[in-house]
C-alpha cells in the first residue's frame, strides 16, 4: 500500500480511482499493525488499489472523514464512500464487499 500524506492526496485518489480502499491507522495502534497484512492480502488477491493513511499525521482527514477510532477501512467507488469498518474489521465481509463492487 502506498501512503497518503495529505487530505488533498486522499481526495485526488478517490476521484481518479474507480474503486479504492483506504486503510487508516495510527502509530501506536497494535491492532492496526496486526490487521494491516490481512487487508494487504485481500487487496493484493483482488487487485484493488489501496492506500494507507496515518491519522496521526493527516489531521484534516480525521475531521473531514469523521474518523474516531483506528484501524478504519474505507472503500470508495466512483468517488463515494460505500463501505466503512472501524476497530473490529470483518475480513470476510470486506472481501465480499470488494468482490460485489468488482462484479457490478
N, C-alpha and C. Protein backbone atom coordinates (compact mmCIF):
# COMPACT_ATOMS: atom_id res chain seq x y z
N UNK A 1 0.84 -1.18 0.00
CA UNK A 1 0.00 0.00 0.00
C UNK A 1 0.89 1.24 0.00
N UNK A 2 0.50 2.17 -0.82
CA UNK A 2 1.17 3.47 -0.80
C UNK A 2 0.61 4.29 0.33
N UNK A 3 1.39 5.24 0.82
CA UNK A 3 0.95 6.07 1.93
C UNK A 3 0.47 7.43 1.42
N UNK A 4 -0.66 7.87 1.95
CA UNK A 4 -1.18 9.20 1.66
C UNK A 4 -0.68 10.15 2.74
N UNK A 5 -0.19 11.30 2.34
CA UNK A 5 0.39 12.23 3.31
C UNK A 5 -0.41 13.52 3.48
N UNK A 6 -1.51 13.65 2.74
CA UNK A 6 -2.34 14.85 2.89
C UNK A 6 -3.78 14.53 2.53
N UNK A 7 -4.67 15.37 3.00
CA UNK A 7 -6.09 15.21 2.66
C UNK A 7 -6.32 15.45 1.17
N UNK A 8 -5.57 16.35 0.58
CA UNK A 8 -5.70 16.61 -0.85
C UNK A 8 -5.34 15.37 -1.67
N UNK A 9 -4.29 14.64 -1.24
CA UNK A 9 -3.94 13.39 -1.93
C UNK A 9 -5.08 12.39 -1.83
N UNK A 10 -5.68 12.30 -0.66
CA UNK A 10 -6.81 11.39 -0.45
C UNK A 10 -7.95 11.73 -1.39
N UNK A 11 -8.30 12.99 -1.47
CA UNK A 11 -9.39 13.42 -2.35
C UNK A 11 -9.07 13.12 -3.81
N UNK A 12 -7.81 13.33 -4.21
CA UNK A 12 -7.41 13.07 -5.58
C UNK A 12 -7.52 11.59 -5.91
N UNK A 13 -7.07 10.73 -5.00
CA UNK A 13 -7.12 9.28 -5.21
C UNK A 13 -8.56 8.80 -5.34
N UNK A 14 -9.43 9.29 -4.47
CA UNK A 14 -10.82 8.83 -4.52
C UNK A 14 -11.55 9.33 -5.76
N UNK A 15 -11.06 10.41 -6.35
CA UNK A 15 -11.67 10.91 -7.59
C UNK A 15 -11.15 10.19 -8.83
N UNK A 16 -9.87 9.81 -8.81
CA UNK A 16 -9.27 9.24 -10.02
C UNK A 16 -9.41 7.72 -10.10
N UNK A 17 -9.45 7.05 -8.98
CA UNK A 17 -9.57 5.58 -8.97
C UNK A 17 -11.06 5.22 -8.94
N UNK A 18 -11.47 4.29 -9.78
CA UNK A 18 -12.86 3.85 -9.77
C UNK A 18 -13.21 3.17 -8.45
N UNK A 19 -12.36 2.25 -8.02
CA UNK A 19 -12.53 1.53 -6.76
C UNK A 19 -11.22 1.64 -6.00
N UNK A 20 -11.29 2.06 -4.74
CA UNK A 20 -10.07 2.21 -3.94
C UNK A 20 -10.38 1.94 -2.48
N UNK A 21 -9.41 1.33 -1.79
CA UNK A 21 -9.52 1.06 -0.36
C UNK A 21 -8.52 1.96 0.36
N UNK A 22 -8.98 2.58 1.43
CA UNK A 22 -8.13 3.41 2.28
C UNK A 22 -8.05 2.74 3.64
N UNK A 23 -6.84 2.46 4.10
CA UNK A 23 -6.62 1.84 5.40
C UNK A 23 -6.08 2.92 6.33
N UNK A 24 -6.85 3.25 7.36
CA UNK A 24 -6.48 4.31 8.30
C UNK A 24 -5.90 3.67 9.55
N UNK A 25 -4.72 4.13 9.93
CA UNK A 25 -4.06 3.60 11.12
C UNK A 25 -3.43 4.73 11.91
N UNK A 26 -2.93 4.39 13.09
CA UNK A 26 -2.15 5.33 13.89
C UNK A 26 -0.85 4.65 14.32
N UNK A 27 0.13 5.44 14.71
CA UNK A 27 1.46 4.91 15.00
C UNK A 27 1.47 3.93 16.18
N UNK A 28 0.77 4.22 17.24
CA UNK A 28 0.83 3.38 18.43
C UNK A 28 -0.23 2.32 18.53
N UNK A 29 -0.87 1.98 17.44
CA UNK A 29 -2.00 1.05 17.44
C UNK A 29 -1.54 -0.36 17.08
N UNK A 30 -1.53 -1.25 18.06
CA UNK A 30 -1.08 -2.62 17.80
C UNK A 30 -2.08 -3.38 16.92
N UNK A 31 -3.36 -3.09 17.06
CA UNK A 31 -4.37 -3.73 16.21
C UNK A 31 -4.18 -3.30 14.76
N UNK A 32 -3.85 -2.04 14.56
CA UNK A 32 -3.60 -1.53 13.20
C UNK A 32 -2.47 -2.31 12.53
N UNK A 33 -1.41 -2.54 13.28
CA UNK A 33 -0.25 -3.26 12.74
C UNK A 33 -0.58 -4.72 12.48
N UNK A 34 -1.42 -5.32 13.31
CA UNK A 34 -1.81 -6.72 13.13
C UNK A 34 -2.77 -6.90 11.95
N UNK A 35 -3.66 -5.95 11.75
CA UNK A 35 -4.66 -6.05 10.67
C UNK A 35 -4.11 -5.68 9.30
N UNK A 36 -3.07 -4.88 9.27
CA UNK A 36 -2.52 -4.39 8.01
C UNK A 36 -2.20 -5.52 7.02
N UNK A 37 -1.45 -6.57 7.43
CA UNK A 37 -1.14 -7.63 6.45
C UNK A 37 -2.37 -8.38 5.95
N UNK A 38 -3.40 -8.48 6.76
CA UNK A 38 -4.62 -9.17 6.35
C UNK A 38 -5.35 -8.35 5.28
N UNK A 39 -5.42 -7.06 5.49
CA UNK A 39 -6.05 -6.18 4.49
C UNK A 39 -5.21 -6.17 3.22
N UNK A 40 -3.89 -6.11 3.39
CA UNK A 40 -2.99 -6.12 2.23
C UNK A 40 -3.18 -7.38 1.40
N UNK A 41 -3.34 -8.51 2.04
CA UNK A 41 -3.54 -9.78 1.33
C UNK A 41 -4.83 -9.76 0.52
N UNK A 42 -5.88 -9.19 1.08
CA UNK A 42 -7.16 -9.11 0.38
C UNK A 42 -7.05 -8.23 -0.86
N UNK A 43 -6.48 -7.04 -0.71
CA UNK A 43 -6.39 -6.12 -1.86
C UNK A 43 -5.43 -6.65 -2.91
N UNK A 44 -4.39 -7.37 -2.48
CA UNK A 44 -3.47 -7.98 -3.46
C UNK A 44 -4.19 -9.07 -4.25
N UNK A 45 -4.93 -9.92 -3.56
CA UNK A 45 -5.63 -11.02 -4.22
C UNK A 45 -6.68 -10.52 -5.20
N UNK A 46 -7.36 -9.43 -4.84
CA UNK A 46 -8.43 -8.88 -5.69
C UNK A 46 -7.94 -7.79 -6.63
N UNK A 47 -6.67 -7.43 -6.51
CA UNK A 47 -6.07 -6.38 -7.33
C UNK A 47 -6.83 -5.05 -7.22
N UNK A 48 -7.08 -4.66 -5.98
CA UNK A 48 -7.76 -3.40 -5.69
C UNK A 48 -6.70 -2.38 -5.26
N UNK A 49 -6.71 -1.19 -5.84
CA UNK A 49 -5.78 -0.16 -5.39
C UNK A 49 -6.04 0.17 -3.91
N UNK A 50 -4.98 0.27 -3.14
CA UNK A 50 -5.13 0.53 -1.70
C UNK A 50 -4.06 1.51 -1.23
N UNK A 51 -4.46 2.32 -0.26
CA UNK A 51 -3.57 3.33 0.29
C UNK A 51 -3.70 3.33 1.81
N UNK A 52 -2.61 3.65 2.47
CA UNK A 52 -2.64 3.78 3.92
C UNK A 52 -2.60 5.26 4.28
N UNK A 53 -3.41 5.62 5.26
CA UNK A 53 -3.47 6.98 5.77
C UNK A 53 -3.16 6.93 7.25
N UNK A 54 -2.13 7.63 7.68
CA UNK A 54 -1.78 7.68 9.10
C UNK A 54 -2.56 8.84 9.73
N UNK A 55 -3.57 8.50 10.53
CA UNK A 55 -4.47 9.51 11.09
C UNK A 55 -3.74 10.52 11.96
N UNK A 56 -2.69 10.08 12.64
CA UNK A 56 -1.95 11.00 13.49
C UNK A 56 -1.10 11.98 12.69
N UNK A 57 -0.91 11.74 11.41
CA UNK A 57 -0.12 12.63 10.56
C UNK A 57 -0.97 13.49 9.64
N UNK A 58 -2.21 13.10 9.39
CA UNK A 58 -3.09 13.84 8.48
C UNK A 58 -4.36 14.20 9.25
N UNK A 59 -4.25 15.20 10.11
CA UNK A 59 -5.35 15.58 10.99
C UNK A 59 -6.58 16.08 10.24
N UNK A 60 -6.38 16.71 9.10
CA UNK A 60 -7.52 17.21 8.33
C UNK A 60 -8.43 16.06 7.90
N UNK A 61 -7.85 14.94 7.52
CA UNK A 61 -8.64 13.78 7.11
C UNK A 61 -9.46 13.24 8.27
N UNK A 62 -8.91 13.28 9.47
CA UNK A 62 -9.63 12.80 10.66
C UNK A 62 -10.95 13.55 10.82
N UNK A 63 -10.89 14.85 10.69
CA UNK A 63 -12.10 15.67 10.83
C UNK A 63 -13.05 15.52 9.65
N UNK A 64 -12.51 15.56 8.46
CA UNK A 64 -13.34 15.51 7.25
C UNK A 64 -14.06 14.17 7.09
N UNK A 65 -13.42 13.08 7.52
CA UNK A 65 -13.99 11.75 7.35
C UNK A 65 -14.62 11.19 8.62
N UNK A 66 -14.65 11.99 9.68
CA UNK A 66 -15.21 11.56 10.98
C UNK A 66 -14.58 10.24 11.44
N UNK A 67 -13.27 10.26 11.56
CA UNK A 67 -12.53 9.08 12.00
C UNK A 67 -12.32 9.16 13.51
N UNK A 68 -13.01 8.32 14.24
CA UNK A 68 -12.97 8.37 15.70
C UNK A 68 -12.20 7.22 16.32
N UNK A 69 -11.80 6.23 15.53
CA UNK A 69 -11.10 5.07 16.05
C UNK A 69 -10.12 4.58 14.98
N UNK A 70 -9.30 3.65 15.36
CA UNK A 70 -8.37 3.04 14.41
C UNK A 70 -8.25 1.56 14.77
N UNK A 71 -8.05 0.71 13.82
CA UNK A 71 -7.98 0.97 12.38
C UNK A 71 -9.36 1.18 11.77
N UNK A 72 -9.35 1.82 10.61
CA UNK A 72 -10.56 2.03 9.84
C UNK A 72 -10.27 1.62 8.39
N UNK A 73 -11.21 0.91 7.80
CA UNK A 73 -11.13 0.57 6.38
C UNK A 73 -12.26 1.31 5.69
N UNK A 74 -11.89 2.09 4.68
CA UNK A 74 -12.86 2.84 3.88
C UNK A 74 -12.76 2.34 2.44
N UNK A 75 -13.91 2.07 1.84
CA UNK A 75 -13.94 1.67 0.43
C UNK A 75 -14.72 2.74 -0.32
N UNK A 76 -14.07 3.28 -1.36
CA UNK A 76 -14.69 4.29 -2.20
C UNK A 76 -14.91 3.70 -3.59
N UNK A 77 -16.09 3.97 -4.14
CA UNK A 77 -16.41 3.57 -5.51
C UNK A 77 -16.93 4.79 -6.24
N UNK A 78 -16.25 5.12 -7.33
CA UNK A 78 -16.60 6.28 -8.15
C UNK A 78 -16.73 7.55 -7.30
N UNK A 79 -15.77 7.72 -6.39
CA UNK A 79 -15.69 8.94 -5.60
C UNK A 79 -16.55 9.00 -4.35
N UNK A 80 -17.35 7.95 -4.10
CA UNK A 80 -18.24 7.96 -2.94
C UNK A 80 -17.88 6.82 -2.00
N UNK A 81 -17.96 7.09 -0.71
CA UNK A 81 -17.72 6.05 0.28
C UNK A 81 -18.88 5.07 0.27
N UNK A 82 -18.57 3.78 0.08
CA UNK A 82 -19.63 2.78 0.03
C UNK A 82 -19.53 1.76 1.17
N UNK A 83 -18.40 1.75 1.87
CA UNK A 83 -18.23 0.77 2.94
C UNK A 83 -17.23 1.32 3.95
N UNK A 84 -17.52 1.06 5.24
CA UNK A 84 -16.65 1.50 6.32
C UNK A 84 -16.69 0.47 7.43
N UNK A 85 -15.52 0.15 7.94
CA UNK A 85 -15.40 -0.69 9.13
C UNK A 85 -14.37 -0.05 10.04
N UNK A 86 -14.67 -0.01 11.33
CA UNK A 86 -13.74 0.59 12.29
C UNK A 86 -13.53 -0.34 13.48
N UNK A 87 -12.33 -0.27 14.01
CA UNK A 87 -11.87 -1.07 15.16
C UNK A 87 -11.83 -2.56 14.88
N UNK A 88 -12.98 -3.20 14.83
CA UNK A 88 -13.03 -4.64 14.58
C UNK A 88 -13.40 -4.84 13.12
N UNK A 89 -12.45 -5.34 12.35
CA UNK A 89 -12.65 -5.49 10.92
C UNK A 89 -13.05 -6.93 10.61
N UNK A 90 -14.17 -7.07 9.93
CA UNK A 90 -14.64 -8.38 9.46
C UNK A 90 -14.04 -8.58 8.07
N UNK A 91 -12.98 -9.37 8.00
CA UNK A 91 -12.25 -9.53 6.75
C UNK A 91 -13.06 -10.24 5.68
N UNK A 92 -13.89 -11.18 6.07
CA UNK A 92 -14.75 -11.87 5.09
C UNK A 92 -15.75 -10.89 4.48
N UNK A 93 -16.34 -10.05 5.32
CA UNK A 93 -17.29 -9.05 4.83
C UNK A 93 -16.58 -8.05 3.90
N UNK A 94 -15.40 -7.64 4.28
CA UNK A 94 -14.63 -6.71 3.45
C UNK A 94 -14.35 -7.32 2.08
N UNK A 95 -13.88 -8.55 2.07
CA UNK A 95 -13.59 -9.22 0.80
C UNK A 95 -14.86 -9.38 -0.04
N UNK A 96 -15.96 -9.75 0.60
CA UNK A 96 -17.23 -9.91 -0.11
C UNK A 96 -17.68 -8.58 -0.73
N UNK A 97 -17.57 -7.51 0.02
CA UNK A 97 -17.99 -6.19 -0.47
C UNK A 97 -17.15 -5.78 -1.68
N UNK A 98 -15.85 -6.00 -1.62
CA UNK A 98 -14.98 -5.65 -2.74
C UNK A 98 -15.32 -6.50 -3.97
N UNK A 99 -15.57 -7.77 -3.76
CA UNK A 99 -15.95 -8.65 -4.88
C UNK A 99 -17.26 -8.22 -5.52
N UNK A 100 -18.23 -7.82 -4.68
CA UNK A 100 -19.51 -7.36 -5.20
C UNK A 100 -19.34 -6.13 -6.09
N UNK A 101 -18.53 -5.21 -5.64
CA UNK A 101 -18.32 -3.99 -6.42
C UNK A 101 -17.59 -4.30 -7.72
N UNK A 102 -16.63 -5.19 -7.66
CA UNK A 102 -15.88 -5.54 -8.87
C UNK A 102 -16.76 -6.23 -9.90
N UNK A 103 -17.71 -7.02 -9.44
CA UNK A 103 -18.57 -7.75 -10.38
C UNK A 103 -19.75 -6.93 -10.89
N UNK A 104 -19.97 -5.77 -10.30
CA UNK A 104 -21.09 -4.91 -10.72
C UNK A 104 -20.78 -4.17 -12.00
